[in-house]
Amino acid sequence: MLGYVVADSQNQTTVISPEQLLQASKKYGPLAVKRFEAWQALVDNNLNKSERIKLEKVNDFFNQVLWVSDQQHWGTSDYWATPIEMLGTDAGDCEDYTIAKYFTLKALGVPESKLYLTYVKAIRLNQAHMVLTYFEKPNTIPLVLDNINKRILPASKRQDLVPIYSFNGDGLWLAKERGKGKAVAGGSTRLKKWNSLLKKMDMN
């Protein structure tokens, strides 16, 4: 289970347990173990840093992973990988970068209410794309964490992206003027991929 178990006595957050590390070693090999250990160190070393530093560290860490299409990587047109699958294989696509950043920032104590997985249209690529958006305060212009443009910029400076909708564990939102927009009836239950991912993470 990738549930970020908090060990209060040590004031630490575990993103990958010793049992998971052992299983991952058998499945993905010793180089993957090094990546998992770096992931845990990322969290350990930044728990008490500012949210801006957390955003930068997490964005930089996962943007090192090789971009590979789902078809090439998983043999299917649309596969949402868990962070363990992404780091284990050292490859992923835009959804995988966004998912890994989202859950790692949550593990670092960034409130879920500030984090949204956001579908956009990447104008230059003329295709659907996913990024992570961070709202320092409600109804403000969010920052965009992206694997295409690796600089963290306000959404207002990402004119190459047209927002479509955003979601997190709290619900599903239609994008509006680069902000969060209004809630969609049914919330995140409408996102089968998201709910399937959560179940998979519980078993990972």
N, C-alpha and C. Protein backbone atom coordinates (compact mmCIF):
# COMPACT_ATOMS: atom_id res chain seq x y z
N MET A 1 0.85 -1.21 0.00
CA MET A 1 0.00 0.00 0.00
C MET A 1 0.87 1.24 0.00
N LEU A 2 0.63 2.17 -0.91
CA LEU A 2 1.36 3.42 -0.95
C LEU A 2 0.49 4.46 -0.27
N GLY A 3 0.54 4.48 1.06
CA GLY A 3 -0.37 5.34 1.79
C GLY A 3 0.31 6.41 2.60
N TYR A 4 1.63 6.53 2.49
CA TYR A 4 2.37 7.53 3.23
C TYR A 4 2.10 7.42 4.72
N VAL A 5 2.64 6.37 5.31
CA VAL A 5 2.46 6.12 6.73
C VAL A 5 3.32 7.09 7.52
N VAL A 6 2.71 7.84 8.41
CA VAL A 6 3.46 8.81 9.21
C VAL A 6 3.90 8.16 10.50
N ALA A 7 5.21 8.17 10.74
CA ALA A 7 5.76 7.64 11.99
C ALA A 7 5.96 8.82 12.94
N ASP A 8 4.99 9.06 13.81
CA ASP A 8 5.01 10.25 14.65
C ASP A 8 6.23 10.31 15.55
N SER A 9 6.68 9.16 16.04
CA SER A 9 7.79 9.17 16.98
C SER A 9 9.07 9.68 16.34
N GLN A 10 9.19 9.53 15.03
CA GLN A 10 10.38 9.99 14.32
C GLN A 10 10.10 11.22 13.46
N ASN A 11 8.83 11.63 13.46
CA ASN A 11 8.42 12.77 12.64
C ASN A 11 8.83 12.56 11.18
N GLN A 12 8.55 11.38 10.66
CA GLN A 12 8.90 11.06 9.29
C GLN A 12 7.69 10.54 8.54
N THR A 13 7.72 10.69 7.24
CA THR A 13 6.68 10.17 6.37
C THR A 13 7.31 9.13 5.46
N THR A 14 6.77 7.93 5.48
CA THR A 14 7.32 6.84 4.67
C THR A 14 6.54 6.74 3.37
N VAL A 15 7.21 6.98 2.25
CA VAL A 15 6.55 6.87 0.95
C VAL A 15 6.68 5.47 0.37
N ILE A 16 7.69 4.73 0.81
CA ILE A 16 7.82 3.35 0.39
C ILE A 16 8.33 2.54 1.57
N SER A 17 7.56 1.55 1.99
CA SER A 17 7.89 0.78 3.18
C SER A 17 9.01 -0.21 2.88
N PRO A 18 9.66 -0.75 3.92
CA PRO A 18 10.69 -1.77 3.70
C PRO A 18 10.14 -2.98 2.94
N GLU A 19 8.90 -3.35 3.20
CA GLU A 19 8.30 -4.48 2.48
C GLU A 19 8.13 -4.16 1.00
N GLN A 20 7.68 -2.94 0.71
CA GLN A 20 7.53 -2.53 -0.68
C GLN A 20 8.89 -2.46 -1.37
N LEU A 21 9.90 -1.98 -0.65
CA LEU A 21 11.23 -1.87 -1.22
C LEU A 21 11.78 -3.25 -1.59
N LEU A 22 11.51 -4.23 -0.74
CA LEU A 22 11.96 -5.58 -1.02
C LEU A 22 11.25 -6.14 -2.25
N GLN A 23 9.94 -5.93 -2.32
CA GLN A 23 9.18 -6.40 -3.49
C GLN A 23 9.65 -5.69 -4.76
N ALA A 24 9.90 -4.38 -4.65
CA ALA A 24 10.33 -3.61 -5.81
C ALA A 24 11.72 -4.04 -6.27
N SER A 25 12.57 -4.39 -5.33
CA SER A 25 13.91 -4.87 -5.68
C SER A 25 13.83 -6.13 -6.53
N LYS A 26 12.93 -7.03 -6.16
CA LYS A 26 12.77 -8.27 -6.92
C LYS A 26 12.15 -8.01 -8.29
N LYS A 27 11.24 -7.05 -8.35
CA LYS A 27 10.52 -6.80 -9.59
C LYS A 27 11.29 -5.92 -10.56
N TYR A 28 11.96 -4.86 -10.01
CA TYR A 28 12.56 -3.85 -10.88
C TYR A 28 14.09 -3.83 -10.87
N GLY A 29 14.72 -4.45 -9.86
CA GLY A 29 16.17 -4.51 -9.83
C GLY A 29 16.83 -3.45 -8.96
N PRO A 30 18.17 -3.55 -8.79
CA PRO A 30 18.89 -2.68 -7.84
C PRO A 30 18.91 -1.21 -8.22
N LEU A 31 18.92 -0.89 -9.51
CA LEU A 31 18.92 0.52 -9.90
C LEU A 31 17.61 1.20 -9.49
N ALA A 32 16.52 0.47 -9.58
CA ALA A 32 15.23 1.01 -9.14
C ALA A 32 15.23 1.27 -7.64
N VAL A 33 15.87 0.39 -6.89
CA VAL A 33 15.95 0.58 -5.44
C VAL A 33 16.63 1.91 -5.13
N LYS A 34 17.67 2.25 -5.89
CA LYS A 34 18.35 3.53 -5.69
C LYS A 34 17.39 4.70 -5.93
N ARG A 35 16.53 4.56 -6.94
CA ARG A 35 15.56 5.63 -7.22
C ARG A 35 14.53 5.73 -6.10
N PHE A 36 14.10 4.58 -5.57
CA PHE A 36 13.14 4.61 -4.46
C PHE A 36 13.77 5.23 -3.22
N GLU A 37 15.02 4.91 -2.97
CA GLU A 37 15.71 5.49 -1.81
C GLU A 37 15.88 7.00 -1.98
N ALA A 38 16.12 7.44 -3.22
CA ALA A 38 16.22 8.88 -3.48
C ALA A 38 14.88 9.56 -3.27
N TRP A 39 13.80 8.88 -3.64
CA TRP A 39 12.45 9.40 -3.43
C TRP A 39 12.17 9.59 -1.95
N GLN A 40 12.52 8.57 -1.14
CA GLN A 40 12.32 8.68 0.31
C GLN A 40 13.18 9.81 0.88
N ALA A 41 14.42 9.93 0.38
CA ALA A 41 15.30 11.00 0.86
C ALA A 41 14.74 12.38 0.49
N LEU A 42 14.14 12.48 -0.68
CA LEU A 42 13.50 13.73 -1.10
C LEU A 42 12.48 14.18 -0.06
N VAL A 43 11.67 13.25 0.40
CA VAL A 43 10.66 13.57 1.40
C VAL A 43 11.30 13.86 2.75
N ASP A 44 12.21 12.99 3.18
CA ASP A 44 12.86 13.18 4.48
C ASP A 44 13.55 14.53 4.59
N ASN A 45 14.20 14.96 3.51
CA ASN A 45 15.03 16.16 3.56
C ASN A 45 14.26 17.46 3.37
N ASN A 46 12.97 17.35 3.02
CA ASN A 46 12.22 18.57 2.70
C ASN A 46 10.92 18.74 3.46
N LEU A 47 10.69 17.90 4.45
CA LEU A 47 9.44 17.97 5.21
C LEU A 47 9.23 19.33 5.86
N ASN A 48 10.30 19.96 6.29
CA ASN A 48 10.18 21.22 7.03
C ASN A 48 10.50 22.44 6.17
N LYS A 49 10.60 22.26 4.86
CA LYS A 49 10.89 23.38 3.98
C LYS A 49 9.59 24.11 3.60
N SER A 50 9.74 25.25 2.97
CA SER A 50 8.57 26.01 2.51
C SER A 50 7.86 25.26 1.39
N GLU A 51 6.60 25.59 1.17
CA GLU A 51 5.86 24.93 0.10
C GLU A 51 6.49 25.20 -1.26
N ARG A 52 7.02 26.39 -1.47
CA ARG A 52 7.65 26.70 -2.76
C ARG A 52 8.86 25.80 -3.01
N ILE A 53 9.67 25.61 -1.98
CA ILE A 53 10.83 24.72 -2.13
C ILE A 53 10.37 23.30 -2.38
N LYS A 54 9.33 22.87 -1.69
CA LYS A 54 8.79 21.53 -1.91
C LYS A 54 8.35 21.35 -3.36
N LEU A 55 7.66 22.36 -3.90
CA LEU A 55 7.22 22.30 -5.30
C LEU A 55 8.42 22.15 -6.23
N GLU A 56 9.45 22.94 -6.00
CA GLU A 56 10.62 22.92 -6.88
C GLU A 56 11.36 21.59 -6.80
N LYS A 57 11.55 21.09 -5.59
CA LYS A 57 12.29 19.84 -5.41
C LYS A 57 11.54 18.67 -6.04
N VAL A 58 10.25 18.60 -5.82
CA VAL A 58 9.46 17.50 -6.37
C VAL A 58 9.36 17.60 -7.88
N ASN A 59 9.15 18.80 -8.39
CA ASN A 59 9.07 18.99 -9.83
C ASN A 59 10.37 18.55 -10.51
N ASP A 60 11.50 18.99 -9.97
CA ASP A 60 12.80 18.64 -10.54
C ASP A 60 13.07 17.14 -10.45
N PHE A 61 12.72 16.55 -9.33
CA PHE A 61 13.00 15.12 -9.11
C PHE A 61 12.30 14.26 -10.16
N PHE A 62 11.00 14.45 -10.34
CA PHE A 62 10.26 13.59 -11.25
C PHE A 62 10.49 13.94 -12.72
N ASN A 63 10.86 15.18 -13.00
CA ASN A 63 11.13 15.54 -14.38
C ASN A 63 12.41 14.92 -14.92
N GLN A 64 13.18 14.27 -14.06
CA GLN A 64 14.35 13.52 -14.51
C GLN A 64 13.98 12.20 -15.19
N VAL A 65 12.77 11.73 -14.91
CA VAL A 65 12.31 10.44 -15.45
C VAL A 65 12.10 10.57 -16.96
N LEU A 66 12.43 9.52 -17.69
CA LEU A 66 12.32 9.52 -19.14
C LEU A 66 10.86 9.51 -19.58
N TRP A 67 10.51 10.39 -20.54
CA TRP A 67 9.15 10.36 -21.09
C TRP A 67 9.05 9.23 -22.12
N VAL A 68 8.02 8.40 -21.95
CA VAL A 68 7.74 7.31 -22.88
C VAL A 68 6.22 7.23 -23.03
N SER A 69 5.74 7.03 -24.24
CA SER A 69 4.30 6.93 -24.45
C SER A 69 3.76 5.67 -23.80
N ASP A 70 2.49 5.71 -23.42
CA ASP A 70 1.86 4.53 -22.81
C ASP A 70 1.89 3.33 -23.75
N GLN A 71 1.71 3.58 -25.04
CA GLN A 71 1.69 2.47 -25.99
C GLN A 71 3.05 1.76 -26.02
N GLN A 72 4.11 2.53 -26.02
CA GLN A 72 5.44 1.95 -26.02
C GLN A 72 5.79 1.32 -24.68
N HIS A 73 5.36 1.97 -23.62
CA HIS A 73 5.75 1.55 -22.27
C HIS A 73 4.91 0.39 -21.75
N TRP A 74 3.61 0.50 -21.91
CA TRP A 74 2.69 -0.46 -21.30
C TRP A 74 1.88 -1.27 -22.32
N GLY A 75 2.01 -0.93 -23.59
CA GLY A 75 1.27 -1.66 -24.62
C GLY A 75 -0.20 -1.32 -24.67
N THR A 76 -0.56 -0.14 -24.15
CA THR A 76 -1.95 0.31 -24.18
C THR A 76 -1.97 1.81 -24.40
N SER A 77 -3.08 2.34 -24.88
CA SER A 77 -3.12 3.75 -25.26
C SER A 77 -3.19 4.70 -24.07
N ASP A 78 -3.68 4.24 -22.92
CA ASP A 78 -3.86 5.14 -21.78
C ASP A 78 -3.72 4.36 -20.48
N TYR A 79 -2.55 4.45 -19.86
CA TYR A 79 -2.28 3.73 -18.61
C TYR A 79 -1.81 4.73 -17.57
N TRP A 80 -2.44 4.73 -16.39
CA TRP A 80 -2.02 5.60 -15.30
C TRP A 80 -1.18 4.79 -14.33
N ALA A 81 0.11 5.12 -14.24
CA ALA A 81 1.04 4.38 -13.38
C ALA A 81 1.06 4.98 -11.98
N THR A 82 1.30 4.14 -11.00
CA THR A 82 1.55 4.61 -9.65
C THR A 82 2.97 5.17 -9.59
N PRO A 83 3.30 5.97 -8.57
CA PRO A 83 4.68 6.44 -8.44
C PRO A 83 5.69 5.30 -8.37
N ILE A 84 5.32 4.19 -7.74
CA ILE A 84 6.24 3.05 -7.66
C ILE A 84 6.47 2.45 -9.04
N GLU A 85 5.43 2.34 -9.84
CA GLU A 85 5.59 1.83 -11.20
C GLU A 85 6.44 2.78 -12.04
N MET A 86 6.22 4.07 -11.88
CA MET A 86 6.97 5.05 -12.66
C MET A 86 8.45 5.01 -12.31
N LEU A 87 8.76 5.07 -11.01
CA LEU A 87 10.16 5.05 -10.60
C LEU A 87 10.78 3.67 -10.82
N GLY A 88 9.98 2.63 -10.70
CA GLY A 88 10.50 1.29 -10.92
C GLY A 88 10.99 1.09 -12.34
N THR A 89 10.23 1.61 -13.30
CA THR A 89 10.58 1.47 -14.71
C THR A 89 11.38 2.65 -15.23
N ASP A 90 11.47 3.72 -14.43
CA ASP A 90 12.19 4.95 -14.79
C ASP A 90 11.66 5.54 -16.08
N ALA A 91 10.35 5.51 -16.24
CA ALA A 91 9.72 6.05 -17.45
C ALA A 91 8.25 6.33 -17.16
N GLY A 92 7.68 7.26 -17.93
CA GLY A 92 6.27 7.57 -17.78
C GLY A 92 5.85 8.63 -18.77
N ASP A 93 4.55 8.96 -18.75
CA ASP A 93 4.05 10.05 -19.58
C ASP A 93 3.46 11.13 -18.69
N CYS A 94 2.77 12.10 -19.29
CA CYS A 94 2.37 13.29 -18.54
C CYS A 94 1.50 12.98 -17.33
N GLU A 95 0.57 12.01 -17.48
CA GLU A 95 -0.26 11.65 -16.32
C GLU A 95 0.59 11.11 -15.18
N ASP A 96 1.59 10.31 -15.53
CA ASP A 96 2.43 9.68 -14.51
C ASP A 96 3.26 10.71 -13.76
N TYR A 97 3.83 11.69 -14.48
CA TYR A 97 4.56 12.77 -13.81
C TYR A 97 3.64 13.50 -12.83
N THR A 98 2.44 13.82 -13.31
CA THR A 98 1.51 14.60 -12.50
C THR A 98 1.06 13.83 -11.27
N ILE A 99 0.74 12.57 -11.45
CA ILE A 99 0.31 11.73 -10.32
C ILE A 99 1.41 11.61 -9.28
N ALA A 100 2.63 11.36 -9.72
CA ALA A 100 3.75 11.20 -8.79
C ALA A 100 4.02 12.48 -8.01
N LYS A 101 3.96 13.62 -8.70
CA LYS A 101 4.18 14.91 -8.02
C LYS A 101 3.06 15.18 -7.01
N TYR A 102 1.84 14.88 -7.40
CA TYR A 102 0.68 15.12 -6.53
C TYR A 102 0.81 14.35 -5.22
N PHE A 103 1.05 13.05 -5.30
CA PHE A 103 1.10 12.25 -4.08
C PHE A 103 2.35 12.53 -3.26
N THR A 104 3.45 12.89 -3.89
CA THR A 104 4.66 13.21 -3.14
C THR A 104 4.49 14.52 -2.39
N LEU A 105 3.87 15.50 -3.02
CA LEU A 105 3.63 16.77 -2.32
C LEU A 105 2.65 16.58 -1.17
N LYS A 106 1.66 15.72 -1.35
CA LYS A 106 0.78 15.40 -0.24
C LYS A 106 1.57 14.77 0.90
N ALA A 107 2.50 13.88 0.57
CA ALA A 107 3.33 13.25 1.59
C ALA A 107 4.19 14.28 2.31
N LEU A 108 4.54 15.35 1.62
CA LEU A 108 5.34 16.42 2.21
C LEU A 108 4.49 17.41 3.01
N GLY A 109 3.21 17.15 3.10
CA GLY A 109 2.35 17.98 3.93
C GLY A 109 1.65 19.12 3.22
N VAL A 110 1.77 19.19 1.89
CA VAL A 110 1.03 20.22 1.16
C VAL A 110 -0.45 19.82 1.13
N PRO A 111 -1.36 20.67 1.56
CA PRO A 111 -2.77 20.29 1.64
C PRO A 111 -3.33 19.90 0.28
N GLU A 112 -4.16 18.85 0.27
CA GLU A 112 -4.78 18.40 -0.96
C GLU A 112 -5.61 19.51 -1.61
N SER A 113 -6.16 20.39 -0.79
CA SER A 113 -7.00 21.48 -1.31
C SER A 113 -6.21 22.46 -2.19
N LYS A 114 -4.89 22.39 -2.13
CA LYS A 114 -4.06 23.28 -2.95
C LYS A 114 -3.58 22.62 -4.24
N LEU A 115 -3.81 21.33 -4.38
CA LEU A 115 -3.23 20.56 -5.48
C LEU A 115 -4.31 20.00 -6.39
N TYR A 116 -4.14 20.20 -7.69
CA TYR A 116 -5.11 19.70 -8.66
C TYR A 116 -4.40 19.10 -9.86
N LEU A 117 -4.84 17.91 -10.25
CA LEU A 117 -4.40 17.31 -11.50
C LEU A 117 -5.26 17.95 -12.59
N THR A 118 -4.62 18.58 -13.54
CA THR A 118 -5.35 19.43 -14.48
C THR A 118 -5.12 19.00 -15.92
N TYR A 119 -6.22 18.65 -16.59
CA TYR A 119 -6.15 18.36 -18.02
C TYR A 119 -6.15 19.66 -18.80
N VAL A 120 -5.25 19.75 -19.76
CA VAL A 120 -5.14 20.93 -20.60
C VAL A 120 -4.99 20.48 -22.05
N LYS A 121 -5.13 21.43 -22.95
CA LYS A 121 -4.72 21.20 -24.34
C LYS A 121 -3.40 21.92 -24.53
N ALA A 122 -2.36 21.17 -24.94
CA ALA A 122 -1.06 21.75 -25.24
C ALA A 122 -1.11 22.26 -26.68
N ILE A 123 -1.19 23.58 -26.84
CA ILE A 123 -1.44 24.16 -28.15
C ILE A 123 -0.34 23.82 -29.15
N ARG A 124 0.91 23.94 -28.73
CA ARG A 124 2.01 23.70 -29.66
C ARG A 124 2.07 22.25 -30.11
N LEU A 125 1.71 21.34 -29.23
CA LEU A 125 1.70 19.92 -29.58
C LEU A 125 0.38 19.49 -30.19
N ASN A 126 -0.65 20.35 -30.03
CA ASN A 126 -2.00 20.05 -30.51
C ASN A 126 -2.51 18.72 -29.97
N GLN A 127 -2.38 18.55 -28.66
CA GLN A 127 -2.84 17.30 -28.05
C GLN A 127 -3.21 17.53 -26.58
N ALA A 128 -3.94 16.58 -26.04
CA ALA A 128 -4.29 16.63 -24.62
C ALA A 128 -3.04 16.40 -23.78
N HIS A 129 -3.02 17.02 -22.61
CA HIS A 129 -1.84 16.98 -21.75
C HIS A 129 -2.33 17.10 -20.31
N MET A 130 -1.53 16.65 -19.35
CA MET A 130 -1.88 16.82 -17.94
C MET A 130 -0.73 17.48 -17.20
N VAL A 131 -1.08 18.41 -16.31
CA VAL A 131 -0.11 19.08 -15.45
C VAL A 131 -0.65 19.09 -14.03
N LEU A 132 0.22 19.43 -13.09
CA LEU A 132 -0.21 19.63 -11.71
C LEU A 132 -0.30 21.13 -11.45
N THR A 133 -1.42 21.57 -10.90
CA THR A 133 -1.56 22.98 -10.55
C THR A 133 -1.63 23.14 -9.04
N TYR A 134 -1.00 24.20 -8.56
CA TYR A 134 -0.91 24.48 -7.13
C TYR A 134 -1.49 25.86 -6.85
N PHE A 135 -2.50 25.89 -5.99
CA PHE A 135 -3.15 27.14 -5.59
C PHE A 135 -2.66 27.52 -4.19
N GLU A 136 -1.86 28.58 -4.11
CA GLU A 136 -1.40 29.02 -2.79
C GLU A 136 -2.60 29.42 -1.92
N LYS A 137 -3.56 30.11 -2.55
CA LYS A 137 -4.80 30.49 -1.89
C LYS A 137 -5.95 30.22 -2.86
N PRO A 138 -7.15 29.97 -2.33
CA PRO A 138 -8.30 29.73 -3.23
C PRO A 138 -8.54 30.92 -4.16
N ASN A 139 -8.97 30.60 -5.37
CA ASN A 139 -9.36 31.62 -6.35
C ASN A 139 -8.22 32.52 -6.80
N THR A 140 -6.98 32.06 -6.63
CA THR A 140 -5.84 32.78 -7.17
C THR A 140 -5.33 32.05 -8.41
N ILE A 141 -4.46 32.70 -9.16
CA ILE A 141 -3.87 32.05 -10.33
C ILE A 141 -2.90 30.98 -9.84
N PRO A 142 -3.06 29.74 -10.29
CA PRO A 142 -2.20 28.67 -9.78
C PRO A 142 -0.84 28.65 -10.45
N LEU A 143 0.10 27.98 -9.80
CA LEU A 143 1.38 27.65 -10.41
C LEU A 143 1.23 26.32 -11.15
N VAL A 144 1.99 26.17 -12.23
CA VAL A 144 1.91 24.96 -13.06
C VAL A 144 3.21 24.18 -12.96
N LEU A 145 3.08 22.90 -12.58
CA LEU A 145 4.21 21.97 -12.57
C LEU A 145 4.04 21.05 -13.76
N ASP A 146 5.01 21.06 -14.66
CA ASP A 146 4.85 20.44 -15.97
C ASP A 146 6.12 19.68 -16.34
N ASN A 147 6.00 18.68 -17.19
CA ASN A 147 7.18 17.97 -17.68
C ASN A 147 7.63 18.46 -19.06
N ILE A 148 6.81 19.30 -19.72
CA ILE A 148 7.21 19.86 -21.01
C ILE A 148 8.05 21.11 -20.78
N ASN A 149 7.45 22.12 -20.18
CA ASN A 149 8.17 23.30 -19.71
C ASN A 149 8.47 23.05 -18.24
N LYS A 150 9.72 22.81 -17.92
CA LYS A 150 10.07 22.35 -16.58
C LYS A 150 10.20 23.46 -15.55
N ARG A 151 10.01 24.71 -15.99
CA ARG A 151 10.00 25.83 -15.05
C ARG A 151 8.62 25.94 -14.42
N ILE A 152 8.59 26.19 -13.11
CA ILE A 152 7.31 26.41 -12.44
C ILE A 152 6.88 27.84 -12.69
N LEU A 153 5.75 28.00 -13.39
CA LEU A 153 5.28 29.32 -13.78
C LEU A 153 3.80 29.48 -13.42
N PRO A 154 3.35 30.73 -13.21
CA PRO A 154 1.91 30.96 -13.04
C PRO A 154 1.16 30.54 -14.30
N ALA A 155 -0.05 30.05 -14.14
CA ALA A 155 -0.84 29.63 -15.30
C ALA A 155 -1.03 30.77 -16.29
N SER A 156 -1.03 32.00 -15.81
CA SER A 156 -1.20 33.15 -16.70
C SER A 156 -0.03 33.32 -17.66
N LYS A 157 1.10 32.71 -17.33
CA LYS A 157 2.28 32.78 -18.22
C LYS A 157 2.43 31.52 -19.05
N ARG A 158 1.46 30.63 -18.97
CA ARG A 158 1.48 29.43 -19.79
C ARG A 158 0.38 29.53 -20.84
N GLN A 159 0.55 30.48 -21.75
CA GLN A 159 -0.45 30.68 -22.79
C GLN A 159 -0.48 29.52 -23.79
N ASP A 160 0.52 28.64 -23.69
CA ASP A 160 0.55 27.46 -24.57
C ASP A 160 -0.37 26.35 -24.07
N LEU A 161 -0.99 26.55 -22.91
CA LEU A 161 -1.88 25.55 -22.33
C LEU A 161 -3.29 26.11 -22.19
N VAL A 162 -4.27 25.34 -22.62
CA VAL A 162 -5.68 25.72 -22.44
C VAL A 162 -6.30 24.75 -21.46
N PRO A 163 -6.71 25.23 -20.26
CA PRO A 163 -7.25 24.32 -19.25
C PRO A 163 -8.61 23.76 -19.65
N ILE A 164 -8.83 22.50 -19.29
CA ILE A 164 -10.10 21.83 -19.60
C ILE A 164 -10.83 21.49 -18.31
N TYR A 165 -10.23 20.64 -17.48
CA TYR A 165 -10.81 20.40 -16.16
C TYR A 165 -9.74 19.93 -15.19
N SER A 166 -10.02 20.09 -13.91
CA SER A 166 -9.10 19.73 -12.84
C SER A 166 -9.79 18.80 -11.85
N PHE A 167 -8.98 18.05 -11.11
CA PHE A 167 -9.56 17.17 -10.09
C PHE A 167 -8.50 16.82 -9.05
N ASN A 168 -9.00 16.41 -7.90
CA ASN A 168 -8.19 15.78 -6.86
C ASN A 168 -9.13 14.91 -6.05
N GLY A 169 -8.71 14.50 -4.86
CA GLY A 169 -9.56 13.65 -4.06
C GLY A 169 -10.83 14.33 -3.59
N ASP A 170 -10.86 15.66 -3.67
CA ASP A 170 -12.04 16.41 -3.21
C ASP A 170 -13.12 16.54 -4.27
N GLY A 171 -12.77 16.33 -5.54
CA GLY A 171 -13.81 16.46 -6.56
C GLY A 171 -13.26 16.80 -7.93
N LEU A 172 -14.17 16.97 -8.85
CA LEU A 172 -13.87 17.26 -10.24
C LEU A 172 -14.36 18.68 -10.57
N TRP A 173 -13.52 19.46 -11.24
CA TRP A 173 -13.84 20.86 -11.50
C TRP A 173 -13.64 21.19 -12.97
N LEU A 174 -14.56 21.94 -13.53
CA LEU A 174 -14.38 22.48 -14.87
C LEU A 174 -13.45 23.69 -14.78
N ALA A 175 -12.45 23.72 -15.63
CA ALA A 175 -11.52 24.84 -15.59
C ALA A 175 -12.20 26.11 -16.08
N LYS A 176 -11.83 27.22 -15.49
CA LYS A 176 -12.43 28.51 -15.87
C LYS A 176 -11.39 29.60 -15.69
N GLU A 177 -11.03 30.24 -16.78
CA GLU A 177 -10.11 31.37 -16.76
C GLU A 177 -8.84 31.04 -15.98
N ARG A 178 -8.32 29.84 -16.22
CA ARG A 178 -7.07 29.38 -15.61
C ARG A 178 -7.17 29.26 -14.09
N GLY A 179 -8.35 29.28 -13.57
CA GLY A 179 -8.56 29.04 -12.16
C GLY A 179 -9.19 27.68 -11.97
N LYS A 180 -9.71 27.44 -10.79
CA LYS A 180 -10.25 26.12 -10.49
C LYS A 180 -11.59 25.88 -11.17
N GLY A 181 -12.41 26.94 -11.30
CA GLY A 181 -13.69 26.78 -11.96
C GLY A 181 -14.77 26.28 -11.02
N LYS A 182 -15.84 25.73 -11.59
CA LYS A 182 -16.96 25.29 -10.75
C LYS A 182 -17.02 23.77 -10.68
N ALA A 183 -17.60 23.28 -9.62
CA ALA A 183 -17.65 21.84 -9.39
C ALA A 183 -18.53 21.15 -10.42
N VAL A 184 -18.17 19.92 -10.76
CA VAL A 184 -18.94 19.11 -11.67
C VAL A 184 -19.74 18.09 -10.86
N ALA A 185 -21.00 17.94 -11.16
CA ALA A 185 -21.83 16.98 -10.43
C ALA A 185 -21.22 15.58 -10.53
N GLY A 186 -21.16 14.91 -9.40
CA GLY A 186 -20.60 13.56 -9.39
C GLY A 186 -19.16 13.52 -8.94
N GLY A 187 -18.48 14.69 -9.00
CA GLY A 187 -17.12 14.77 -8.51
C GLY A 187 -16.19 13.75 -9.13
N SER A 188 -15.19 13.34 -8.35
CA SER A 188 -14.16 12.47 -8.88
C SER A 188 -14.65 11.05 -9.15
N THR A 189 -15.88 10.72 -8.73
CA THR A 189 -16.41 9.40 -9.06
C THR A 189 -16.60 9.25 -10.56
N ARG A 190 -16.62 10.36 -11.29
CA ARG A 190 -16.76 10.30 -12.74
C ARG A 190 -15.45 9.89 -13.41
N LEU A 191 -14.38 9.91 -12.67
CA LEU A 191 -13.08 9.62 -13.26
C LEU A 191 -12.68 8.18 -12.95
N LYS A 192 -13.01 7.28 -13.84
CA LYS A 192 -12.74 5.87 -13.61
C LYS A 192 -11.25 5.59 -13.47
N LYS A 193 -10.44 6.27 -14.28
CA LYS A 193 -9.00 6.06 -14.22
C LYS A 193 -8.45 6.45 -12.86
N TRP A 194 -8.96 7.54 -12.31
CA TRP A 194 -8.50 8.02 -11.00
C TRP A 194 -8.86 7.02 -9.91
N ASN A 195 -10.09 6.58 -9.91
CA ASN A 195 -10.51 5.63 -8.89
C ASN A 195 -9.80 4.30 -9.02
N SER A 196 -9.54 3.87 -10.25
CA SER A 196 -8.79 2.63 -10.47
C SER A 196 -7.36 2.79 -9.97
N LEU A 197 -6.78 3.96 -10.19
CA LEU A 197 -5.42 4.23 -9.71
C LEU A 197 -5.36 4.14 -8.19
N LEU A 198 -6.32 4.74 -7.50
CA LEU A 198 -6.33 4.70 -6.05
C LEU A 198 -6.41 3.27 -5.53
N LYS A 199 -7.22 2.45 -6.17
CA LYS A 199 -7.32 1.03 -5.77
C LYS A 199 -6.00 0.32 -6.02
N LYS A 200 -5.36 0.61 -7.14
CA LYS A 200 -4.09 -0.03 -7.49
C LYS A 200 -3.01 0.37 -6.50
N MET A 201 -3.02 1.62 -6.06
CA MET A 201 -2.03 2.08 -5.10
C MET A 201 -2.18 1.38 -3.75
N ASP A 202 -3.41 1.05 -3.40
CA ASP A 202 -3.65 0.32 -2.16
C ASP A 202 -3.07 -1.08 -2.22
N MET A 203 -2.96 -1.62 -3.41
CA MET A 203 -2.45 -2.98 -3.57
C MET A 203 -0.98 -3.02 -3.97
N ASN A 204 -0.41 -1.85 -4.30
CA ASN A 204 0.95 -1.80 -4.85
C ASN A 204 2.00 -2.13 -3.81
